[in-house]
PDB file of N, CA and C in Angstrom:
ATOM      1  N   UNK A   1      -2.418 -12.699  10.523  1.00  0.00           N
ATOM      2  CA  UNK A   1      -2.031 -11.236  10.863  1.00  0.00           C
ATOM      3  C   UNK A   1      -0.993 -11.390  11.979  1.00  0.00           C
ATOM      4  N   UNK A   2      -0.018 -10.955  11.879  1.00  0.00           N
ATOM      5  CA  UNK A   2       1.099 -10.654  13.033  1.00  0.00           C
ATOM      6  C   UNK A   2       0.782  -9.582  13.745  1.00  0.00           C
ATOM      7  N   UNK A   3       0.977  -9.860  14.818  1.00  0.00           N
ATOM      8  CA  UNK A   3       0.510  -8.669  15.972  1.00  0.00           C
ATOM      9  C   UNK A   3       1.686  -8.757  17.046  1.00  0.00           C
ATOM     10  N   UNK A   4       2.021  -7.777  17.552  1.00  0.00           N
ATOM     11  CA  UNK A   4       3.023  -7.653  18.540  1.00  0.00           C
ATOM     12  C   UNK A   4       2.474  -8.082  19.882  1.00  0.00           C
ATOM     13  N   UNK A   5       3.404  -8.238  20.906  1.00  0.00           N
ATOM     14  CA  UNK A   5       3.079  -8.866  22.165  1.00  0.00           C
ATOM     15  C   UNK A   5       1.805  -7.961  22.680  1.00  0.00           C
ATOM     16  N   UNK A   6       1.722  -6.938  22.613  1.00  0.00           N
ATOM     17  CA  UNK A   6       0.630  -6.200  23.272  1.00  0.00           C
ATOM     18  C   UNK A   6      -0.708  -6.283  22.523  1.00  0.00           C
ATOM     19  N   UNK A   7      -0.717  -7.182  21.240  1.00  0.00           N
ATOM     20  CA  UNK A   7      -1.744  -7.472  20.683  1.00  0.00           C
ATOM     21  C   UNK A   7      -2.211  -6.363  19.509  1.00  0.00           C
ATOM     22  N   UNK A   8      -1.330  -5.461  19.315  1.00  0.00           N
ATOM     23  CA  UNK A   8      -1.576  -4.411  18.346  1.00  0.00           C
ATOM     24  C   UNK A   8      -0.850  -4.844  17.203  1.00  0.00           C
ATOM     25  N   UNK A   9      -1.287  -4.347  15.853  1.00  0.00           N
ATOM     26  CA  UNK A   9      -0.436  -4.593  14.703  1.00  0.00           C
ATOM     27  C   UNK A   9       0.866  -3.855  14.804  1.00  0.00           C
ATOM     28  N   UNK A  10       1.803  -4.378  14.482  1.00  0.00           N
ATOM     29  CA  UNK A  10       3.203  -3.811  14.266  1.00  0.00           C
ATOM     30  C   UNK A  10       3.297  -2.630  13.196  1.00  0.00           C
ATOM     31  N   UNK A  11       4.082  -1.858  13.361  1.00  0.00           N
ATOM     32  CA  UNK A  11       4.331  -0.696  12.693  1.00  0.00           C
ATOM     33  C   UNK A  11       4.121  -0.890  11.055  1.00  0.00           C
ATOM     34  N   UNK A  12       4.835  -2.099  10.824  1.00  0.00           N
ATOM     35  CA  UNK A  12       5.226  -2.492   9.424  1.00  0.00           C
ATOM     36  C   UNK A  12       3.727  -3.000   8.841  1.00  0.00           C
ATOM     37  N   UNK A  13       2.670  -3.428   9.565  1.00  0.00           N
ATOM     38  CA  UNK A  13       1.600  -3.879   9.074  1.00  0.00           C
ATOM     39  C   UNK A  13       0.456  -2.569   8.920  1.00  0.00           C
ATOM     40  N   UNK A  14       0.837  -1.522   9.276  1.00  0.00           N
ATOM     41  CA  UNK A  14       0.002  -0.342   9.431  1.00  0.00           C
ATOM     42  C   UNK A  14       0.244   0.207   7.836  1.00  0.00           C
ATOM     43  N   UNK A  15      -0.662   0.405   7.137  1.00  0.00           N
ATOM     44  CA  UNK A  15      -0.440   1.339   5.998  1.00  0.00           C
ATOM     45  C   UNK A  15      -0.299   2.495   6.028  1.00  0.00           C
ATOM     46  N   UNK A  16       0.730   3.286   5.478  1.00  0.00           N
ATOM     47  CA  UNK A  16       1.064   4.642   5.672  1.00  0.00           C
ATOM     48  C   UNK A  16      -0.049   5.722   5.041  1.00  0.00           C
ATOM     49  N   UNK A  17      -0.361   6.511   5.508  1.00  0.00           N
ATOM     50  CA  UNK A  17      -1.134   7.681   4.904  1.00  0.00           C
ATOM     51  C   UNK A  17      -0.249   8.425   4.081  1.00  0.00           C
ATOM     52  N   UNK A  18      -1.352   9.525   3.613  1.00  0.00           N
ATOM     53  CA  UNK A  18      -0.498  10.376   2.444  1.00  0.00           C
ATOM     54  C   UNK A  18       0.880  10.989   2.735  1.00  0.00           C
ATOM     55  N   UNK A  19       1.039  11.249   4.091  1.00  0.00           N
ATOM     56  CA  UNK A  19       2.409  11.973   4.485  1.00  0.00           C
ATOM     57  C   UNK A  19       2.968  11.091   5.120  1.00  0.00           C
ATOM     58  N   UNK A  20       2.915   9.702   4.876  1.00  0.00           N
ATOM     59  CA  UNK A  20       3.967   8.739   5.739  1.00  0.00           C
ATOM     60  C   UNK A  20       4.556   8.001   4.741  1.00  0.00           C
ATOM     61  N   UNK A  21       5.893   7.117   4.961  1.00  0.00           N
ATOM     62  CA  UNK A  21       6.252   6.402   4.001  1.00  0.00           C
ATOM     63  C   UNK A  21       6.336   5.037   4.796  1.00  0.00           C
ATOM     64  N   UNK A  22       7.047   3.874   4.210  1.00  0.00           N
ATOM     65  CA  UNK A  22       7.216   2.895   5.023  1.00  0.00           C
ATOM     66  C   UNK A  22       8.216   3.097   6.183  1.00  0.00           C
ATOM     67  N   UNK A  23       8.964   4.107   6.058  1.00  0.00           N
ATOM     68  CA  UNK A  23      10.130   4.428   7.200  1.00  0.00           C
ATOM     69  C   UNK A  23       9.371   5.528   7.992  1.00  0.00           C
ATOM     70  N   UNK A  24       8.149   5.735   7.956  1.00  0.00           N
ATOM     71  CA  UNK A  24       7.509   6.644   8.925  1.00  0.00           C
ATOM     72  C   UNK A  24       7.031   8.019   8.376  1.00  0.00           C
ATOM     73  N   UNK A  25       6.783   9.108   9.366  1.00  0.00           N
ATOM     74  CA  UNK A  25       6.103  10.097   8.703  1.00  0.00           C
ATOM     75  C   UNK A  25       7.152  10.990   8.138  1.00  0.00           C
ATOM     76  N   UNK A  26       6.928  11.704   6.858  1.00  0.00           N
ATOM     77  CA  UNK A  26       7.518  12.415   6.070  1.00  0.00           C
ATOM     78  C   UNK A  26       7.235  13.993   6.753  1.00  0.00           C
ATOM     79  N   UNK A  27       8.383  14.641   6.647  1.00  0.00           N
ATOM     80  CA  UNK A  27       8.335  16.055   7.169  1.00  0.00           C
ATOM     81  C   UNK A  27       8.413  17.056   5.811  1.00  0.00           C
ATOM     82  N   UNK A  28       8.904  16.577   4.709  1.00  0.00           N
ATOM     83  CA  UNK A  28       9.074  17.126   3.437  1.00  0.00           C
ATOM     84  C   UNK A  28       7.758  17.950   3.153  1.00  0.00           C
ATOM     85  N   UNK A  29       6.373  17.445   2.949  1.00  0.00           N
ATOM     86  CA  UNK A  29       5.334  18.163   2.707  1.00  0.00           C
ATOM     87  C   UNK A  29       5.170  19.436   3.537  1.00  0.00           C
ATOM     88  N   UNK A  30       5.152  19.310   4.733  1.00  0.00           N
ATOM     89  CA  UNK A  30       5.490  20.498   5.686  1.00  0.00           C
ATOM     90  C   UNK A  30       6.645  21.307   5.580  1.00  0.00           C
ATOM     91  N   UNK A  31       7.629  20.961   5.300  1.00  0.00           N
ATOM     92  CA  UNK A  31       8.667  21.979   5.101  1.00  0.00           C
ATOM     93  C   UNK A  31       8.685  22.845   3.828  1.00  0.00           C
ATOM     94  N   UNK A  32       7.849  22.256   2.902  1.00  0.00           N
ATOM     95  CA  UNK A  32       7.629  22.668   1.646  1.00  0.00           C
ATOM     96  C   UNK A  32       6.936  24.124   1.642  1.00  0.00           C
ATOM     97  N   UNK A  33       6.266  24.215   2.592  1.00  0.00           N
ATOM     98  CA  UNK A  33       5.315  25.300   2.620  1.00  0.00           C
ATOM     99  C   UNK A  33       5.699  26.062   3.981  1.00  0.00           C
ATOM    100  N   UNK A  34       6.614  25.730   4.767  1.00  0.00           N
ATOM    101  CA  UNK A  34       6.886  26.349   6.030  1.00  0.00           C
ATOM    102  C   UNK A  34       7.698  27.757   5.617  1.00  0.00           C
ATOM    103  N   UNK A  35       7.058  28.605   6.518  1.00  0.00           N
ATOM    104  CA  UNK A  35       8.111  30.107   6.066  1.00  0.00           C
ATOM    105  C   UNK A  35       9.102  30.195   7.326  1.00  0.00           C
ATOM    106  N   UNK A  36       9.308  29.116   8.019  1.00  0.00           N
ATOM    107  CA  UNK A  36      10.252  29.129   9.120  1.00  0.00           C
ATOM    108  C   UNK A  36      11.693  28.593   8.526  1.00  0.00           C
ATOM    109  N   UNK A  37      11.588  28.077   7.267  1.00  0.00           N
ATOM    110  CA  UNK A  37      12.970  27.627   6.655  1.00  0.00           C
ATOM    111  C   UNK A  37      13.118  28.660   5.619  1.00  0.00           C
ATOM    112  N   UNK A  38      14.240  28.642   5.049  1.00  0.00           N
ATOM    113  CA  UNK A  38      15.128  29.535   4.132  1.00  0.00           C
ATOM    114  C   UNK A  38      14.391  29.224   2.936  1.00  0.00           C
ATOM    115  N   UNK A  39      14.417  30.239   2.061  1.00  0.00           N
ATOM    116  CA  UNK A  39      13.700  30.098   0.702  1.00  0.00           C
ATOM    117  C   UNK A  39      14.709  29.347   0.040  1.00  0.00           C
ATOM    118  N   UNK A  40      15.929  29.386   0.217  1.00  0.00           N
ATOM    119  CA  UNK A  40      16.963  28.614  -0.364  1.00  0.00           C
ATOM    120  C   UNK A  40      16.719  26.973   0.100  1.00  0.00           C
ATOM    121  N   UNK A  41      16.446  26.629   1.319  1.00  0.00           N
ATOM    122  CA  UNK A  41      16.090  25.381   1.392  1.00  0.00           C
ATOM    123  C   UNK A  41      14.759  24.992   0.618  1.00  0.00           C
ATOM    124  N   UNK A  42      13.610  25.640   0.742  1.00  0.00           N
ATOM    125  CA  UNK A  42      12.326  25.203   0.157  1.00  0.00           C
ATOM    126  C   UNK A  42      12.512  25.202  -1.538  1.00  0.00           C
ATOM    127  N   UNK A  43      13.558  25.981  -2.196  1.00  0.00           N
ATOM    128  CA  UNK A  43      13.692  25.974  -3.477  1.00  0.00           C
ATOM    129  C   UNK A  43      14.500  24.551  -3.597  1.00  0.00           C
ATOM    130  N   UNK A  44      15.483  24.170  -2.979  1.00  0.00           N
ATOM    131  CA  UNK A  44      16.085  22.995  -2.851  1.00  0.00           C
ATOM    132  C   UNK A  44      14.996  21.898  -2.914  1.00  0.00           C
ATOM    133  N   UNK A  45      14.225  21.869  -2.196  1.00  0.00           N
ATOM    134  CA  UNK A  45      13.372  20.835  -1.926  1.00  0.00           C
ATOM    135  C   UNK A  45      12.355  20.839  -3.009  1.00  0.00           C
ATOM    136  N   UNK A  46      11.899  22.025  -3.516  1.00  0.00           N
ATOM    137  CA  UNK A  46      10.901  21.944  -4.767  1.00  0.00           C
ATOM    138  C   UNK A  46      11.693  21.501  -5.821  1.00  0.00           C
ATOM    139  N   UNK A  47      13.063  21.688  -6.053  1.00  0.00           N
ATOM    140  CA  UNK A  47      13.726  21.131  -7.116  1.00  0.00           C
ATOM    141  C   UNK A  47      14.264  19.569  -6.972  1.00  0.00           C
ATOM    142  N   UNK A  48      13.698  19.259  -5.882  1.00  0.00           N
ATOM    143  CA  UNK A  48      13.731  17.659  -5.570  1.00  0.00           C
ATOM    144  C   UNK A  48      15.535  17.521  -5.496  1.00  0.00           C
ATOM    145  N   UNK A  49      16.273  18.664  -4.661  1.00  0.00           N
ATOM    146  CA  UNK A  49      17.649  18.501  -4.613  1.00  0.00           C
ATOM    147  C   UNK A  49      17.637  18.093  -3.027  1.00  0.00           C
ATOM    148  N   UNK A  50      17.293  16.946  -2.587  1.00  0.00           N
ATOM    149  CA  UNK A  50      16.694  16.617  -1.085  1.00  0.00           C
ATOM    150  C   UNK A  50      18.151  16.824  -0.371  1.00  0.00           C
ATOM    151  N   UNK A  51      19.444  16.399  -0.689  1.00  0.00           N
ATOM    152  CA  UNK A  51      20.661  16.249  -0.044  1.00  0.00           C
ATOM    153  C   UNK A  51      21.154  17.499  -0.039  1.00  0.00           C
ATOM    154  N   UNK A  52      20.715  18.414  -1.086  1.00  0.00           N
ATOM    155  CA  UNK A  52      21.342  20.007  -0.875  1.00  0.00           C
ATOM    156  C   UNK A  52      20.258  20.404   0.375  1.00  0.00           C
ATOM    157  N   UNK A  53      18.970  20.315   0.140  1.00  0.00           N
ATOM    158  CA  UNK A  53      18.379  20.706   1.297  1.00  0.00           C
ATOM    159  C   UNK A  53      18.766  20.267   2.675  1.00  0.00           C
ATOM    160  N   UNK A  54      19.191  19.048   2.871  1.00  0.00           N
ATOM    161  CA  UNK A  54      19.763  18.672   4.095  1.00  0.00           C
ATOM    162  C   UNK A  54      20.802  19.465   4.383  1.00  0.00           C
ATOM    163  N   UNK A  55      21.809  19.598   3.424  1.00  0.00           N
ATOM    164  CA  UNK A  55      23.193  20.261   3.680  1.00  0.00           C
ATOM    165  C   UNK A  55      22.704  21.846   4.072  1.00  0.00           C
ATOM    166  N   UNK A  56      21.516  22.456   3.647  1.00  0.00           N
ATOM    167  CA  UNK A  56      21.416  23.884   4.119  1.00  0.00           C
ATOM    168  C   UNK A  56      20.887  23.649   5.412  1.00  0.00           C
ATOM    169  N   UNK A  57      19.838  22.688   5.845  1.00  0.00           N
ATOM    170  CA  UNK A  57      19.578  22.709   6.988  1.00  0.00           C
ATOM    171  C   UNK A  57      20.351  22.397   8.211  1.00  0.00           C
ATOM    172  N   UNK A  58      21.497  21.700   7.727  1.00  0.00           N
ATOM    173  CA  UNK A  58      22.602  21.346   8.598  1.00  0.00           C
ATOM    174  C   UNK A  58      23.562  22.592   9.002  1.00  0.00           C
ATOM    175  N   UNK A  59      23.380  23.443   8.108  1.00  0.00           N
ATOM    176  CA  UNK A  59      24.364  24.602   8.092  1.00  0.00           C
ATOM    177  C   UNK A  59      23.286  25.715   8.796  1.00  0.00           C
ATOM    178  N   UNK A  60      21.994  25.716   8.524  1.00  0.00           N
ATOM    179  CA  UNK A  60      21.205  27.011   9.114  1.00  0.00           C
ATOM    180  C   UNK A  60      20.800  26.674  10.593  1.00  0.00           C
ATOM    181  N   UNK A  61      20.555  25.092  10.874  1.00  0.00           N
ATOM    182  CA  UNK A  61      20.289  24.952  12.250  1.00  0.00           C
ATOM    183  C   UNK A  61      21.088  23.977  13.174  1.00  0.00           C
ATOM    184  N   UNK A  62      22.347  24.002  12.506  1.00  0.00           N
ATOM    185  CA  UNK A  62      23.228  23.073  13.318  1.00  0.00           C
ATOM    186  C   UNK A  62      22.790  21.611  13.457  1.00  0.00           C
ATOM    187  N   UNK A  63      21.927  20.979  12.464  1.00  0.00           N
ATOM    188  CA  UNK A  63      21.581  19.864  12.412  1.00  0.00           C
ATOM    189  C   UNK A  63      22.646  18.683  11.951  1.00  0.00           C
ATOM    190  N   UNK A  64      22.914  17.571  12.827  1.00  0.00           N
ATOM    191  CA  UNK A  64      23.837  16.578  12.487  1.00  0.00           C
ATOM    192  C   UNK A  64      23.371  15.962  11.094  1.00  0.00           C
ATOM    193  N   UNK A  65      24.285  15.437  10.363  1.00  0.00           N
ATOM    194  CA  UNK A  65      23.719  14.788   9.053  1.00  0.00           C
ATOM    195  C   UNK A  65      22.593  13.619   9.252  1.00  0.00           C
ATOM    196  N   UNK A  66      22.832  12.859  10.440  1.00  0.00           N
ATOM    197  CA  UNK A  66      22.028  12.036  10.772  1.00  0.00           C
ATOM    198  C   UNK A  66      20.507  12.505  10.981  1.00  0.00           C
ATOM    199  N   UNK A  67      20.587  13.680  11.689  1.00  0.00           N
ATOM    200  CA  UNK A  67      19.301  14.492  11.924  1.00  0.00           C
ATOM    201  C   UNK A  67      18.598  15.079  10.818  1.00  0.00           C
ATOM    202  N   UNK A  68      19.218  15.766   9.868  1.00  0.00           N
ATOM    203  CA  UNK A  68      18.957  16.039   8.788  1.00  0.00           C
ATOM    204  C   UNK A  68      18.373  15.020   7.830  1.00  0.00           C
ATOM    205  N   UNK A  69      19.166  13.805   7.681  1.00  0.00           N
ATOM    206  CA  UNK A  69      18.736  12.812   6.770  1.00  0.00           C
ATOM    207  C   UNK A  69      17.373  12.152   7.015  1.00  0.00           C
ATOM    208  N   UNK A  70      17.169  12.069   8.694  1.00  0.00           N
ATOM    209  CA  UNK A  70      16.108  11.544   9.248  1.00  0.00           C
ATOM    210  C   UNK A  70      14.866  12.451   8.906  1.00  0.00           C
ATOM    211  N   UNK A  71      15.124  13.571   8.946  1.00  0.00           N
ATOM    212  CA  UNK A  71      13.955  14.805   8.511  1.00  0.00           C
ATOM    213  C   UNK A  71      13.628  14.584   7.065  1.00  0.00           C
ATOM    214  N   UNK A  72      14.448  14.573   6.263  1.00  0.00           N
ATOM    215  CA  UNK A  72      14.307  14.388   4.774  1.00  0.00           C
ATOM    216  C   UNK A  72      14.125  12.997   4.436  1.00  0.00           C
ATOM    217  N   UNK A  73      14.391  11.861   5.140  1.00  0.00           N
ATOM    218  CA  UNK A  73      14.315  10.758   4.771  1.00  0.00           C
ATOM    219  C   UNK A  73      15.186  10.481   3.557  1.00  0.00           C
ATOM    220  N   UNK A  74      16.597  10.730   3.765  1.00  0.00           N
ATOM    221  CA  UNK A  74      17.721  10.779   2.709  1.00  0.00           C
ATOM    222  C   UNK A  74      19.005  10.451   3.708  1.00  0.00           C
ATOM    223  N   UNK A  75      19.711   9.892   2.852  1.00  0.00           N
ATOM    224  CA  UNK A  75      21.228   9.560   3.496  1.00  0.00           C
ATOM    225  C   UNK A  75      21.965  10.815   3.233  1.00  0.00           C
ATOM    226  N   UNK A  76      22.128  11.418   4.525  1.00  0.00           N
ATOM    227  CA  UNK A  76      22.987  12.936   4.311  1.00  0.00           C
ATOM    228  C   UNK A  76      24.252  12.938   4.652  1.00  0.00           C
ATOM    229  N   UNK A  77      24.751  11.572   5.282  1.00  0.00           N
ATOM    230  CA  UNK A  77      26.158  11.588   5.719  1.00  0.00           C
ATOM    231  C   UNK A  77      27.118  10.876   4.531  1.00  0.00           C
TER     232      UNK A  77
END
């Protein structure tokens, strides 16, 4: 078993939980039920139009394409 210099398991060896992926924590489940984002964004997420949702988040909140992509685990640029 590979361990980091501090003796703990590296990130890649910890099995992700239900709201995590191999890339890290996923915000998608939280955003689907959030009342703080627009209904248009939630609909795009529910319809699995993740890139559209990223574009809406960029427009609504002034996020960069990198920030929106990281938030939704999609390449938005």
